[in-house]
Amino acid sequence: MKFTPDLFNNVGRMCAIRGADSGRVWKLRTAMRNKQGERFYLCRNTVTGGFRVVHSRGMSSLY
């Protein structure tokens, strides 16, 4: 995947991830695109400090 500017200004916002029990503890860090042009985000869990790559459709909401 290639790092890309986030044209939607979502980097730095908090989000909830579908299927994750933890709720609004994920912070969007970096935007990426794959070869097909789909948008992904590197998210950091603010409680545990862990990272996870999430497709833009995998986020249930932004805060």
Protein backbone atom coordinates (compact mmCIF):
# COMPACT_ATOMS: atom_id res chain seq x y z
CA MET A 1 0.00 0.00 0.00
CA LYS A 2 1.04 3.55 -0.65
CA PHE A 3 0.69 6.39 1.83
CA THR A 4 -1.51 9.15 0.46
CA PRO A 5 -2.82 12.54 1.59
CA ASP A 6 -6.20 12.23 3.27
CA LEU A 7 -8.48 14.38 1.12
CA PHE A 8 -11.41 13.83 3.49
CA ASN A 9 -9.59 15.39 6.51
CA ASN A 10 -10.26 12.35 8.71
CA VAL A 11 -6.72 11.93 10.06
CA GLY A 12 -6.66 12.78 13.76
CA ARG A 13 -10.34 12.01 14.32
CA MET A 14 -11.66 9.28 16.60
CA CYS A 15 -13.70 6.41 15.18
CA ALA A 16 -15.47 3.19 16.06
CA ILE A 17 -14.56 0.06 14.09
CA ARG A 18 -17.14 -2.54 13.05
CA GLY A 19 -16.64 -5.75 14.99
CA ALA A 20 -14.42 -4.18 17.66
CA ASP A 21 -15.87 -4.15 21.18
CA SER A 22 -13.93 -1.16 22.41
CA GLY A 23 -16.06 1.66 20.93
CA ARG A 24 -14.64 5.15 20.29
CA VAL A 25 -11.05 4.43 21.25
CA TRP A 26 -9.52 4.33 17.75
CA LYS A 27 -7.69 7.38 16.41
CA LEU A 28 -7.01 7.67 12.68
CA ARG A 29 -3.28 8.16 12.09
CA THR A 30 -2.43 7.76 8.40
CA ALA A 31 -4.31 7.37 5.12
CA MET A 32 -3.23 4.73 2.58
CA ARG A 33 -4.43 3.50 -0.81
CA ASN A 34 -3.92 0.10 -2.38
CA LYS A 35 -3.34 -0.52 -6.12
CA GLN A 36 -7.10 -0.56 -6.77
CA GLY A 37 -7.48 2.89 -5.21
CA GLU A 38 -9.39 1.77 -2.11
CA ARG A 39 -8.81 3.92 0.98
CA PHE A 40 -7.45 2.43 4.22
CA TYR A 41 -6.50 4.03 7.52
CA LEU A 42 -3.88 3.12 10.09
CA CYS A 43 -5.73 3.38 13.40
CA ARG A 44 -4.27 3.46 16.90
CA ASN A 45 -6.13 2.21 19.96
CA THR A 46 -5.79 5.01 22.52
CA VAL A 47 -6.25 2.60 25.46
CA THR A 48 -3.92 -0.30 24.56
CA GLY A 49 -1.61 1.52 22.13
CA GLY A 50 -2.10 -1.17 19.46
CA PHE A 51 -2.39 -0.44 15.74
CA ARG A 52 -4.80 -1.78 13.12
CA VAL A 53 -5.30 -1.16 9.40
CA VAL A 54 -8.97 -0.61 8.56
CA HIS A 55 -10.77 -0.19 5.23
CA SER A 56 -12.80 3.01 5.05
CA ARG A 57 -15.99 0.90 4.96
CA GLY A 58 -14.92 -0.85 8.18
CA MET A 59 -15.43 2.27 10.27
CA SER A 60 -18.91 2.50 11.72
CA SER A 61 -18.68 6.18 12.67
CA LEU A 62 -16.32 9.14 12.99
CA TYR A 63 -16.18 11.58 15.91
